[in-house]
Amino acid sequence: MGWMYQNGLGVKKDLSQAAYWYQKAAGQGYASAQNNLGGMYQNGLGVKKDLTQALNWYQKAADQGNVRAQNNLGILYIKGDGIPRDREKAILWFKKAAGKGNKAAKNNLKKLGESL
């Protein structure tokens, strides 16, 4: 439901409704919803921007092996977006995601001059 509201698929686009449904699914441990909710908090979409919440939800999803969340955590750490910059943690998360075939993470490693 969150994805449908976020993208206006079969329903009127409503970011606050998207966040509501992602929150329900994320609270039940659904990693994809946790990642999506993290993105909403990171960008202030349908919720007040809150980088601590973004980090929290990305971390929960990444710990479950969600490669998009792992890449997103890497981005937060490399940018220092709401958290202290930490190149080593960024590389760790990029490598986890890249090792599972995530192209964005592979590109991020390449930009940092790192390899698997």
PDB file of N, CA and C in Angstrom:
ATOM      1  N   MET A   1       0.829  -1.194   0.000  1.00  0.00           N
ATOM      2  CA  MET A   1       0.000   0.000   0.000  1.00  0.00           C
ATOM      3  C   MET A   1       0.872   1.256   0.000  1.00  0.00           C
ATOM      4  N   GLY A   2       1.952   1.221   0.749  1.00  0.00           N
ATOM      5  CA  GLY A   2       2.829   2.387   0.798  1.00  0.00           C
ATOM      6  C   GLY A   2       3.354   2.748  -0.571  1.00  0.00           C
ATOM      7  N   TRP A   3       3.801   1.738  -1.308  1.00  0.00           N
ATOM      8  CA  TRP A   3       4.340   1.972  -2.654  1.00  0.00           C
ATOM      9  C   TRP A   3       3.260   2.552  -3.561  1.00  0.00           C
ATOM     10  N   MET A   4       2.033   2.045  -3.429  1.00  0.00           N
ATOM     11  CA  MET A   4       0.935   2.535  -4.255  1.00  0.00           C
ATOM     12  C   MET A   4       0.648   4.006  -3.968  1.00  0.00           C
ATOM     13  N   TYR A   5       0.593   4.379  -2.701  1.00  0.00           N
ATOM     14  CA  TYR A   5       0.355   5.773  -2.340  1.00  0.00           C
ATOM     15  C   TYR A   5       1.542   6.662  -2.707  1.00  0.00           C
ATOM     16  N   GLN A   6       2.743   6.159  -2.554  1.00  0.00           N
ATOM     17  CA  GLN A   6       3.920   6.967  -2.877  1.00  0.00           C
ATOM     18  C   GLN A   6       3.974   7.289  -4.367  1.00  0.00           C
ATOM     19  N   ASN A   7       3.535   6.353  -5.183  1.00  0.00           N
ATOM     20  CA  ASN A   7       3.654   6.516  -6.630  1.00  0.00           C
ATOM     21  C   ASN A   7       2.335   6.771  -7.347  1.00  0.00           C
ATOM     22  N   GLY A   8       1.236   6.870  -6.607  1.00  0.00           N
ATOM     23  CA  GLY A   8      -0.058   7.116  -7.226  1.00  0.00           C
ATOM     24  C   GLY A   8      -0.506   5.978  -8.135  1.00  0.00           C
ATOM     25  N   LEU A   9      -0.290   4.754  -7.706  1.00  0.00           N
ATOM     26  CA  LEU A   9      -0.668   3.576  -8.502  1.00  0.00           C
ATOM     27  C   LEU A   9      -2.025   3.051  -8.039  1.00  0.00           C
ATOM     28  N   GLY A  10      -3.069   3.384  -8.789  1.00  0.00           N
ATOM     29  CA  GLY A  10      -4.415   2.944  -8.450  1.00  0.00           C
ATOM     30  C   GLY A  10      -5.075   3.775  -7.364  1.00  0.00           C
ATOM     31  N   VAL A  11      -4.329   4.687  -6.787  1.00  0.00           N
ATOM     32  CA  VAL A  11      -4.841   5.603  -5.762  1.00  0.00           C
ATOM     33  C   VAL A  11      -4.226   6.982  -6.026  1.00  0.00           C
ATOM     34  N   LYS A  12      -4.836   7.998  -5.437  1.00  0.00           N
ATOM     35  CA  LYS A  12      -4.261   9.332  -5.549  1.00  0.00           C
ATOM     36  C   LYS A  12      -2.945   9.366  -4.767  1.00  0.00           C
ATOM     37  N   LYS A  13      -1.910   9.931  -5.373  1.00  0.00           N
ATOM     38  CA  LYS A  13      -0.612  10.031  -4.704  1.00  0.00           C
ATOM     39  C   LYS A  13      -0.772  10.803  -3.395  1.00  0.00           C
ATOM     40  N   ASP A  14      -0.286  10.201  -2.320  1.00  0.00           N
ATOM     41  CA  ASP A  14      -0.417  10.798  -0.993  1.00  0.00           C
ATOM     42  C   ASP A  14       0.762  10.306  -0.149  1.00  0.00           C
ATOM     43  N   LEU A  15       1.755  11.176   0.009  1.00  0.00           N
ATOM     44  CA  LEU A  15       2.984  10.770   0.705  1.00  0.00           C
ATOM     45  C   LEU A  15       2.776  10.493   2.181  1.00  0.00           C
ATOM     46  N   SER A  16       1.850  11.196   2.812  1.00  0.00           N
ATOM     47  CA  SER A  16       1.614  10.917   4.238  1.00  0.00           C
ATOM     48  C   SER A  16       0.952   9.546   4.396  1.00  0.00           C
ATOM     49  N   GLN A  17       0.079   9.162   3.476  1.00  0.00           N
ATOM     50  CA  GLN A  17      -0.510   7.829   3.505  1.00  0.00           C
ATOM     51  C   GLN A  17       0.554   6.769   3.206  1.00  0.00           C
ATOM     52  N   ALA A  18       1.448   7.088   2.283  1.00  0.00           N
ATOM     53  CA  ALA A  18       2.545   6.162   1.976  1.00  0.00           C
ATOM     54  C   ALA A  18       3.373   5.912   3.228  1.00  0.00           C
ATOM     55  N   ALA A  19       3.723   6.986   3.924  1.00  0.00           N
ATOM     56  CA  ALA A  19       4.516   6.846   5.148  1.00  0.00           C
ATOM     57  C   ALA A  19       3.764   6.033   6.195  1.00  0.00           C
ATOM     58  N   TYR A  20       2.464   6.260   6.298  1.00  0.00           N
ATOM     59  CA  TYR A  20       1.638   5.508   7.252  1.00  0.00           C
ATOM     60  C   TYR A  20       1.720   4.010   6.963  1.00  0.00           C
ATOM     61  N   TRP A  21       1.541   3.629   5.707  1.00  0.00           N
ATOM     62  CA  TRP A  21       1.550   2.206   5.358  1.00  0.00           C
ATOM     63  C   TRP A  21       2.950   1.603   5.449  1.00  0.00           C
ATOM     64  N   TYR A  22       3.959   2.374   5.077  1.00  0.00           N
ATOM     65  CA  TYR A  22       5.329   1.880   5.253  1.00  0.00           C
ATOM     66  C   TYR A  22       5.620   1.650   6.737  1.00  0.00           C
ATOM     67  N   GLN A  23       5.153   2.561   7.574  1.00  0.00           N
ATOM     68  CA  GLN A  23       5.378   2.442   9.024  1.00  0.00           C
ATOM     69  C   GLN A  23       4.761   1.156   9.552  1.00  0.00           C
ATOM     70  N   LYS A  24       3.540   0.856   9.125  1.00  0.00           N
ATOM     71  CA  LYS A  24       2.870  -0.368   9.570  1.00  0.00           C
ATOM     72  C   LYS A  24       3.669  -1.601   9.151  1.00  0.00           C
ATOM     73  N   ALA A  25       4.101  -1.637   7.897  1.00  0.00           N
ATOM     74  CA  ALA A  25       4.853  -2.793   7.402  1.00  0.00           C
ATOM     75  C   ALA A  25       6.247  -2.848   8.020  1.00  0.00           C
ATOM     76  N   ALA A  26       6.887  -1.687   8.165  1.00  0.00           N
ATOM     77  CA  ALA A  26       8.227  -1.637   8.747  1.00  0.00           C
ATOM     78  C   ALA A  26       8.212  -2.124  10.193  1.00  0.00           C
ATOM     79  N   GLY A  27       7.177  -1.757  10.924  1.00  0.00           N
ATOM     80  CA  GLY A  27       7.048  -2.187  12.311  1.00  0.00           C
ATOM     81  C   GLY A  27       6.879  -3.696  12.451  1.00  0.00           C
ATOM     82  N   GLN A  28       6.438  -4.344  11.379  1.00  0.00           N
ATOM     83  CA  GLN A  28       6.294  -5.796  11.380  1.00  0.00           C
ATOM     84  C   GLN A  28       7.538  -6.491  10.833  1.00  0.00           C
ATOM     85  N   GLY A  29       8.589  -5.687  10.573  1.00  0.00           N
ATOM     86  CA  GLY A  29       9.866  -6.264  10.171  1.00  0.00           C
ATOM     87  C   GLY A  29      10.083  -6.412   8.682  1.00  0.00           C
ATOM     88  N   TYR A  30       9.240  -5.827   7.852  1.00  0.00           N
ATOM     89  CA  TYR A  30       9.365  -5.946   6.408  1.00  0.00           C
ATOM     90  C   TYR A  30      10.492  -5.020   5.933  1.00  0.00           C
ATOM     91  N   ALA A  31      11.608  -5.606   5.506  1.00  0.00           N
ATOM     92  CA  ALA A  31      12.828  -4.854   5.207  1.00  0.00           C
ATOM     93  C   ALA A  31      12.649  -3.824   4.093  1.00  0.00           C
ATOM     94  N   SER A  32      11.922  -4.161   3.058  1.00  0.00           N
ATOM     95  CA  SER A  32      11.729  -3.221   1.959  1.00  0.00           C
ATOM     96  C   SER A  32      10.979  -1.980   2.440  1.00  0.00           C
ATOM     97  N   ALA A  33       9.970  -2.187   3.276  1.00  0.00           N
ATOM     98  CA  ALA A  33       9.224  -1.052   3.835  1.00  0.00           C
ATOM     99  C   ALA A  33      10.116  -0.231   4.761  1.00  0.00           C
ATOM    100  N   GLN A  34      10.984  -0.903   5.523  1.00  0.00           N
ATOM    101  CA  GLN A  34      11.910  -0.176   6.399  1.00  0.00           C
ATOM    102  C   GLN A  34      12.830   0.721   5.570  1.00  0.00           C
ATOM    103  N   ASN A  35      13.344   0.176   4.468  1.00  0.00           N
ATOM    104  CA  ASN A  35      14.198   0.969   3.593  1.00  0.00           C
ATOM    105  C   ASN A  35      13.424   2.155   3.012  1.00  0.00           C
ATOM    106  N   ASN A  36      12.215   1.902   2.523  1.00  0.00           N
ATOM    107  CA  ASN A  36      11.422   2.971   1.926  1.00  0.00           C
ATOM    108  C   ASN A  36      11.065   4.043   2.954  1.00  0.00           C
ATOM    109  N   LEU A  37      10.747   3.616   4.166  1.00  0.00           N
ATOM    110  CA  LEU A  37      10.443   4.570   5.228  1.00  0.00           C
ATOM    111  C   LEU A  37      11.689   5.393   5.570  1.00  0.00           C
ATOM    112  N   GLY A  38      12.843   4.750   5.576  1.00  0.00           N
ATOM    113  CA  GLY A  38      14.087   5.487   5.789  1.00  0.00           C
ATOM    114  C   GLY A  38      14.268   6.580   4.760  1.00  0.00           C
ATOM    115  N   GLY A  39      13.968   6.272   3.510  1.00  0.00           N
ATOM    116  CA  GLY A  39      14.074   7.274   2.451  1.00  0.00           C
ATOM    117  C   GLY A  39      13.099   8.420   2.633  1.00  0.00           C
ATOM    118  N   MET A  40      11.920   8.110   3.122  1.00  0.00           N
ATOM    119  CA  MET A  40      10.936   9.173   3.359  1.00  0.00           C
ATOM    120  C   MET A  40      11.415  10.100   4.473  1.00  0.00           C
ATOM    121  N   TYR A  41      11.964   9.513   5.540  1.00  0.00           N
ATOM    122  CA  TYR A  41      12.506  10.349   6.620  1.00  0.00           C
ATOM    123  C   TYR A  41      13.749  11.118   6.157  1.00  0.00           C
ATOM    124  N   GLN A  42      14.579  10.509   5.359  1.00  0.00           N
ATOM    125  CA  GLN A  42      15.787  11.189   4.893  1.00  0.00           C
ATOM    126  C   GLN A  42      15.444  12.421   4.061  1.00  0.00           C
ATOM    127  N   ASN A  43      14.389  12.313   3.279  1.00  0.00           N
ATOM    128  CA  ASN A  43      14.040  13.394   2.356  1.00  0.00           C
ATOM    129  C   ASN A  43      12.835  14.218   2.777  1.00  0.00           C
ATOM    130  N   GLY A  44      12.250  13.909   3.923  1.00  0.00           N
ATOM    131  CA  GLY A  44      11.087  14.656   4.389  1.00  0.00           C
ATOM    132  C   GLY A  44       9.888  14.487   3.477  1.00  0.00           C
ATOM    133  N   LEU A  45       9.634  13.279   3.037  1.00  0.00           N
ATOM    134  CA  LEU A  45       8.510  12.996   2.140  1.00  0.00           C
ATOM    135  C   LEU A  45       7.359  12.378   2.935  1.00  0.00           C
ATOM    136  N   GLY A  46       6.301  13.148   3.141  1.00  0.00           N
ATOM    137  CA  GLY A  46       5.152  12.649   3.879  1.00  0.00           C
ATOM    138  C   GLY A  46       5.348  12.636   5.382  1.00  0.00           C
ATOM    139  N   VAL A  47       6.553  12.915   5.818  1.00  0.00           N
ATOM    140  CA  VAL A  47       6.911  12.994   7.236  1.00  0.00           C
ATOM    141  C   VAL A  47       7.905  14.145   7.393  1.00  0.00           C
ATOM    142  N   LYS A  48       8.065  14.592   8.627  1.00  0.00           N
ATOM    143  CA  LYS A  48       9.079  15.605   8.885  1.00  0.00           C
ATOM    144  C   LYS A  48      10.455  14.970   8.688  1.00  0.00           C
ATOM    145  N   LYS A  49      11.346  15.680   8.006  1.00  0.00           N
ATOM    146  CA  LYS A  49      12.701  15.164   7.790  1.00  0.00           C
ATOM    147  C   LYS A  49      13.339  14.857   9.137  1.00  0.00           C
ATOM    148  N   ASP A  50      13.871  13.650   9.252  1.00  0.00           N
ATOM    149  CA  ASP A  50      14.469  13.201  10.503  1.00  0.00           C
ATOM    150  C   ASP A  50      15.553  12.184  10.158  1.00  0.00           C
ATOM    151  N   LEU A  51      16.791  12.639  10.147  1.00  0.00           N
ATOM    152  CA  LEU A  51      17.899  11.783   9.737  1.00  0.00           C
ATOM    153  C   LEU A  51      18.192  10.670  10.736  1.00  0.00           C
ATOM    154  N   THR A  52      17.846  10.884  11.994  1.00  0.00           N
ATOM    155  CA  THR A  52      18.003   9.825  12.983  1.00  0.00           C
ATOM    156  C   THR A  52      17.047   8.673  12.667  1.00  0.00           C
ATOM    157  N   GLN A  53      15.813   9.012  12.324  1.00  0.00           N
ATOM    158  CA  GLN A  53      14.842   7.990  11.934  1.00  0.00           C
ATOM    159  C   GLN A  53      15.262   7.308  10.629  1.00  0.00           C
ATOM    160  N   ALA A  54      15.769   8.092   9.684  1.00  0.00           N
ATOM    161  CA  ALA A  54      16.244   7.506   8.423  1.00  0.00           C
ATOM    162  C   ALA A  54      17.321   6.467   8.703  1.00  0.00           C
ATOM    163  N   LEU A  55      18.301   6.844   9.500  1.00  0.00           N
ATOM    164  CA  LEU A  55      19.380   5.924   9.853  1.00  0.00           C
ATOM    165  C   LEU A  55      18.835   4.679  10.540  1.00  0.00           C
ATOM    166  N   ASN A  56      17.916   4.857  11.469  1.00  0.00           N
ATOM    167  CA  ASN A  56      17.314   3.749  12.201  1.00  0.00           C
ATOM    168  C   ASN A  56      16.646   2.749  11.251  1.00  0.00           C
ATOM    169  N   TRP A  57      15.825   3.236  10.347  1.00  0.00           N
ATOM    170  CA  TRP A  57      15.101   2.339   9.453  1.00  0.00           C
ATOM    171  C   TRP A  57      16.023   1.710   8.414  1.00  0.00           C
ATOM    172  N   TYR A  58      16.969   2.480   7.884  1.00  0.00           N
ATOM    173  CA  TYR A  58      17.936   1.885   6.961  1.00  0.00           C
ATOM    174  C   TYR A  58      18.729   0.776   7.651  1.00  0.00           C
ATOM    175  N   GLN A  59      19.124   1.027   8.895  1.00  0.00           N
ATOM    176  CA  GLN A  59      19.917   0.041   9.637  1.00  0.00           C
ATOM    177  C   GLN A  59      19.138  -1.254   9.833  1.00  0.00           C
ATOM    178  N   LYS A  60      17.873  -1.129  10.217  1.00  0.00           N
ATOM    179  CA  LYS A  60      17.041  -2.323  10.418  1.00  0.00           C
ATOM    180  C   LYS A  60      16.940  -3.136   9.133  1.00  0.00           C
ATOM    181  N   ALA A  61      16.715  -2.456   8.008  1.00  0.00           N
ATOM    182  CA  ALA A  61      16.586  -3.153   6.727  1.00  0.00           C
ATOM    183  C   ALA A  61      17.925  -3.730   6.287  1.00  0.00           C
ATOM    184  N   ALA A  62      18.985  -2.964   6.456  1.00  0.00           N
ATOM    185  CA  ALA A  62      20.317  -3.426   6.053  1.00  0.00           C
ATOM    186  C   ALA A  62      20.735  -4.651   6.852  1.00  0.00           C
ATOM    187  N   ASP A  63      20.425  -4.666   8.127  1.00  0.00           N
ATOM    188  CA  ASP A  63      20.765  -5.808   8.975  1.00  0.00           C
ATOM    189  C   ASP A  63      20.044  -7.084   8.521  1.00  0.00           C
ATOM    190  N   GLN A  64      18.934  -6.914   7.817  1.00  0.00           N
ATOM    191  CA  GLN A  64      18.194  -8.061   7.281  1.00  0.00           C
ATOM    192  C   GLN A  64      18.689  -8.448   5.885  1.00  0.00           C
ATOM    193  N   GLY A  65      19.688  -7.695   5.381  1.00  0.00           N
ATOM    194  CA  GLY A  65      20.259  -8.022   4.082  1.00  0.00           C
ATOM    195  C   GLY A  65      19.667  -7.261   2.913  1.00  0.00           C
ATOM    196  N   ASN A  66      18.857  -6.245   3.175  1.00  0.00           N
ATOM    197  CA  ASN A  66      18.281  -5.455   2.087  1.00  0.00           C
ATOM    198  C   ASN A  66      19.390  -4.631   1.432  1.00  0.00           C
ATOM    199  N   VAL A  67      19.698  -4.946   0.174  1.00  0.00           N
ATOM    200  CA  VAL A  67      20.845  -4.317  -0.489  1.00  0.00           C
ATOM    201  C   VAL A  67      20.621  -2.832  -0.754  1.00  0.00           C
ATOM    202  N   ARG A  68      19.392  -2.427  -1.013  1.00  0.00           N
ATOM    203  CA  ARG A  68      19.133  -0.998  -1.214  1.00  0.00           C
ATOM    204  C   ARG A  68      19.403  -0.222   0.074  1.00  0.00           C
ATOM    205  N   ALA A  69      18.999  -0.792   1.200  1.00  0.00           N
ATOM    206  CA  ALA A  69      19.253  -0.145   2.491  1.00  0.00           C
ATOM    207  C   ALA A  69      20.739  -0.120   2.803  1.00  0.00           C
ATOM    208  N   GLN A  70      21.439  -1.194   2.461  1.00  0.00           N
ATOM    209  CA  GLN A  70      22.887  -1.219   2.681  1.00  0.00           C
ATOM    210  C   GLN A  70      23.564  -0.118   1.884  1.00  0.00           C
ATOM    211  N   ASN A  71      23.166   0.057   0.634  1.00  0.00           N
ATOM    212  CA  ASN A  71      23.728   1.134  -0.178  1.00  0.00           C
ATOM    213  C   ASN A  71      23.348   2.498   0.406  1.00  0.00           C
ATOM    214  N   ASN A  72      22.095   2.642   0.841  1.00  0.00           N
ATOM    215  CA  ASN A  72      21.652   3.911   1.426  1.00  0.00           C
ATOM    216  C   ASN A  72      22.418   4.252   2.699  1.00  0.00           C
ATOM    217  N   LEU A  73      22.716   3.241   3.504  1.00  0.00           N
ATOM    218  CA  LEU A  73      23.536   3.481   4.702  1.00  0.00           C
ATOM    219  C   LEU A  73      24.927   3.966   4.306  1.00  0.00           C
ATOM    220  N   GLY A  74      25.495   3.318   3.289  1.00  0.00           N
ATOM    221  CA  GLY A  74      26.797   3.756   2.797  1.00  0.00           C
ATOM    222  C   GLY A  74      26.780   5.219   2.392  1.00  0.00           C
ATOM    223  N   ILE A  75      25.717   5.613   1.723  1.00  0.00           N
ATOM    224  CA  ILE A  75      25.591   7.011   1.286  1.00  0.00           C
ATOM    225  C   ILE A  75      25.518   7.944   2.489  1.00  0.00           C
ATOM    226  N   LEU A  76      24.719   7.575   3.495  1.00  0.00           N
ATOM    227  CA  LEU A  76      24.634   8.423   4.697  1.00  0.00           C
ATOM    228  C   LEU A  76      26.001   8.575   5.343  1.00  0.00           C
ATOM    229  N   TYR A  77      26.740   7.472   5.434  1.00  0.00           N
ATOM    230  CA  TYR A  77      28.049   7.526   6.088  1.00  0.00           C
ATOM    231  C   TYR A  77      29.075   8.292   5.261  1.00  0.00           C
ATOM    232  N   ILE A  78      29.042   8.176   3.950  1.00  0.00           N
ATOM    233  CA  ILE A  78      30.045   8.881   3.142  1.00  0.00           C
ATOM    234  C   ILE A  78      29.763  10.385   3.112  1.00  0.00           C
ATOM    235  N   LYS A  79      28.474  10.743   3.156  1.00  0.00           N
ATOM    236  CA  LYS A  79      28.103  12.161   3.140  1.00  0.00           C
ATOM    237  C   LYS A  79      28.141  12.784   4.531  1.00  0.00           C
ATOM    238  N   GLY A  80      28.020  11.933   5.559  1.00  0.00           N
ATOM    239  CA  GLY A  80      27.886  12.475   6.906  1.00  0.00           C
ATOM    240  C   GLY A  80      26.523  13.122   7.059  1.00  0.00           C
ATOM    241  N   ASP A  81      25.514  12.531   6.408  1.00  0.00           N
ATOM    242  CA  ASP A  81      24.163  13.085   6.396  1.00  0.00           C
ATOM    243  C   ASP A  81      23.424  12.698   7.674  1.00  0.00           C
ATOM    244  N   GLY A  82      23.493  13.561   8.671  1.00  0.00           N
ATOM    245  CA  GLY A  82      22.836  13.310   9.946  1.00  0.00           C
ATOM    246  C   GLY A  82      23.650  12.482  10.916  1.00  0.00           C
ATOM    247  N   ILE A  83      24.802  12.024  10.469  1.00  0.00           N
ATOM    248  CA  ILE A  83      25.705  11.227  11.296  1.00  0.00           C
ATOM    249  C   ILE A  83      27.136  11.660  10.972  1.00  0.00           C
ATOM    250  N   PRO A  84      28.078  11.369  11.840  1.00  0.00           N
ATOM    251  CA  PRO A  84      29.467  11.697  11.506  1.00  0.00           C
ATOM    252  C   PRO A  84      29.920  10.930  10.257  1.00  0.00           C
ATOM    253  N   ARG A  85      30.676  11.595   9.410  1.00  0.00           N
ATOM    254  CA  ARG A  85      31.217  10.926   8.225  1.00  0.00           C
ATOM    255  C   ARG A  85      32.111   9.776   8.670  1.00  0.00           C
ATOM    256  N   ASP A  86      31.974   8.659   7.978  1.00  0.00           N
ATOM    257  CA  ASP A  86      32.765   7.487   8.322  1.00  0.00           C
ATOM    258  C   ASP A  86      33.003   6.684   7.047  1.00  0.00           C
ATOM    259  N   ARG A  87      34.134   6.929   6.435  1.00  0.00           N
ATOM    260  CA  ARG A  87      34.465   6.279   5.164  1.00  0.00           C
ATOM    261  C   ARG A  87      34.508   4.754   5.305  1.00  0.00           C
ATOM    262  N   GLU A  88      35.065   4.262   6.404  1.00  0.00           N
ATOM    263  CA  GLU A  88      35.180   2.816   6.594  1.00  0.00           C
ATOM    264  C   GLU A  88      33.812   2.147   6.673  1.00  0.00           C
ATOM    265  N   LYS A  89      32.886   2.748   7.413  1.00  0.00           N
ATOM    266  CA  LYS A  89      31.539   2.182   7.497  1.00  0.00           C
ATOM    267  C   LYS A  89      30.836   2.270   6.148  1.00  0.00           C
ATOM    268  N   ALA A  90      31.042   3.373   5.446  1.00  0.00           N
ATOM    269  CA  ALA A  90      30.440   3.518   4.119  1.00  0.00           C
ATOM    270  C   ALA A  90      30.920   2.403   3.202  1.00  0.00           C
ATOM    271  N   ILE A  91      32.214   2.181   3.186  1.00  0.00           N
ATOM    272  CA  ILE A  91      32.786   1.135   2.330  1.00  0.00           C
ATOM    273  C   ILE A  91      32.266  -0.237   2.738  1.00  0.00           C
ATOM    274  N   LEU A  92      32.174  -0.491   4.032  1.00  0.00           N
ATOM    275  CA  LEU A  92      31.642  -1.765   4.516  1.00  0.00           C
ATOM    276  C   LEU A  92      30.246  -2.024   3.964  1.00  0.00           C
ATOM    277  N   TRP A  93      29.356  -1.019   4.060  1.00  0.00           N
ATOM    278  CA  TRP A  93      27.986  -1.193   3.585  1.00  0.00           C
ATOM    279  C   TRP A  93      27.922  -1.272   2.068  1.00  0.00           C
ATOM    280  N   PHE A  94      28.739  -0.472   1.372  1.00  0.00           N
ATOM    281  CA  PHE A  94      28.772  -0.568  -0.086  1.00  0.00           C
ATOM    282  C   PHE A  94      29.237  -1.960  -0.518  1.00  0.00           C
ATOM    283  N   LYS A  95      30.239  -2.501   0.175  1.00  0.00           N
ATOM    284  CA  LYS A  95      30.751  -3.822  -0.192  1.00  0.00           C
ATOM    285  C   LYS A  95      29.716  -4.917   0.060  1.00  0.00           C
ATOM    286  N   LYS A  96      28.966  -4.806   1.146  1.00  0.00           N
ATOM    287  CA  LYS A  96      27.918  -5.791   1.404  1.00  0.00           C
ATOM    288  C   LYS A  96      26.891  -5.782   0.281  1.00  0.00           C
ATOM    289  N   ALA A  97      26.462  -4.601  -0.108  1.00  0.00           N
ATOM    290  CA  ALA A  97      25.451  -4.492  -1.166  1.00  0.00           C
ATOM    291  C   ALA A  97      26.022  -4.893  -2.522  1.00  0.00           C
ATOM    292  N   ALA A  98      27.232  -4.446  -2.801  1.00  0.00           N
ATOM    293  CA  ALA A  98      27.864  -4.774  -4.085  1.00  0.00           C
ATOM    294  C   ALA A  98      28.108  -6.269  -4.207  1.00  0.00           C
ATOM    295  N   GLY A  99      28.452  -6.902  -3.107  1.00  0.00           N
ATOM    296  CA  GLY A  99      28.683  -8.337  -3.105  1.00  0.00           C
ATOM    297  C   GLY A  99      27.441  -9.138  -3.451  1.00  0.00           C
ATOM    298  N   LYS A 100      26.289  -8.505  -3.295  1.00  0.00           N
ATOM    299  CA  LYS A 100      25.023  -9.152  -3.649  1.00  0.00           C
ATOM    300  C   LYS A 100      24.502  -8.639  -4.993  1.00  0.00           C
ATOM    301  N   GLY A 101      25.385  -7.936  -5.732  1.00  0.00           N
ATOM    302  CA  GLY A 101      25.034  -7.519  -7.083  1.00  0.00           C
ATOM    303  C   GLY A 101      24.419  -6.149  -7.234  1.00  0.00           C
ATOM    304  N   ASN A 102      24.356  -5.343  -6.177  1.00  0.00           N
ATOM    305  CA  ASN A 102      23.762  -4.009  -6.286  1.00  0.00           C
ATOM    306  C   ASN A 102      24.667  -3.092  -7.104  1.00  0.00           C
ATOM    307  N   LYS A 103      24.187  -2.679  -8.265  1.00  0.00           N
ATOM    308  CA  LYS A 103      24.990  -1.873  -9.187  1.00  0.00           C
ATOM    309  C   LYS A 103      25.318  -0.490  -8.624  1.00  0.00           C
ATOM    310  N   ALA A 104      24.372   0.117  -7.919  1.00  0.00           N
ATOM    311  CA  ALA A 104      24.628   1.435  -7.337  1.00  0.00           C
ATOM    312  C   ALA A 104      25.779   1.367  -6.337  1.00  0.00           C
ATOM    313  N   ALA A 105      25.790   0.326  -5.523  1.00  0.00           N
ATOM    314  CA  ALA A 105      26.864   0.156  -4.538  1.00  0.00           C
ATOM    315  C   ALA A 105      28.196  -0.079  -5.241  1.00  0.00           C
ATOM    316  N   LYS A 106      28.189  -0.873  -6.316  1.00  0.00           N
ATOM    317  CA  LYS A 106      29.414  -1.096  -7.090  1.00  0.00           C
ATOM    318  C   LYS A 106      29.939   0.228  -7.632  1.00  0.00           C
ATOM    319  N   ASN A 107      29.049   1.060  -8.152  1.00  0.00           N
ATOM    320  CA  ASN A 107      29.455   2.372  -8.665  1.00  0.00           C
ATOM    321  C   ASN A 107      29.988   3.261  -7.549  1.00  0.00           C
ATOM    322  N   ASN A 108      29.361   3.198  -6.375  1.00  0.00           N
ATOM    323  CA  ASN A 108      29.835   4.005  -5.246  1.00  0.00           C
ATOM    324  C   ASN A 108      31.230   3.570  -4.814  1.00  0.00           C
ATOM    325  N   LEU A 109      31.485   2.278  -4.808  1.00  0.00           N
ATOM    326  CA  LEU A 109      32.829   1.785  -4.489  1.00  0.00           C
ATOM    327  C   LEU A 109      33.843   2.270  -5.525  1.00  0.00           C
ATOM    328  N   LYS A 110      33.457   2.197  -6.773  1.00  0.00           N
ATOM    329  CA  LYS A 110      34.338   2.633  -7.853  1.00  0.00           C
ATOM    330  C   LYS A 110      34.697   4.122  -7.694  1.00  0.00           C
ATOM    331  N   LYS A 111      33.708   4.942  -7.364  1.00  0.00           N
ATOM    332  CA  LYS A 111      33.933   6.369  -7.147  1.00  0.00           C
ATOM    333  C   LYS A 111      34.907   6.615  -5.996  1.00  0.00           C
ATOM    334  N   LEU A 112      34.875   5.727  -5.019  1.00  0.00           N
ATOM    335  CA  LEU A 112      35.775   5.863  -3.864  1.00  0.00           C
ATOM    336  C   LEU A 112      37.131   5.216  -4.108  1.00  0.00           C
ATOM    337  N   GLY A 113      37.306   4.622  -5.280  1.00  0.00           N
ATOM    338  CA  GLY A 113      38.581   3.968  -5.604  1.00  0.00           C
ATOM    339  C   GLY A 113      38.739   2.645  -4.877  1.00  0.00           C
ATOM    340  N   GLU A 114      37.622   2.015  -4.527  1.00  0.00           N
ATOM    341  CA  GLU A 114      37.660   0.744  -3.811  1.00  0.00           C
ATOM    342  C   GLU A 114      37.178  -0.373  -4.743  1.00  0.00           C
ATOM    343  N   SER A 115      37.510  -1.578  -4.382  1.00  0.00           N
ATOM    344  CA  SER A 115      37.029  -2.727  -5.128  1.00  0.00           C
ATOM    345  C   SER A 115      36.548  -3.776  -4.151  1.00  0.00           C
ATOM    346  N   LEU A 116      35.803  -4.751  -4.691  1.00  0.00           N
ATOM    347  CA  LEU A 116      35.346  -5.857  -3.843  1.00  0.00           C
ATOM    348  C   LEU A 116      36.533  -6.677  -3.455  1.00  0.00           C
TER     349      LEU A 116
END
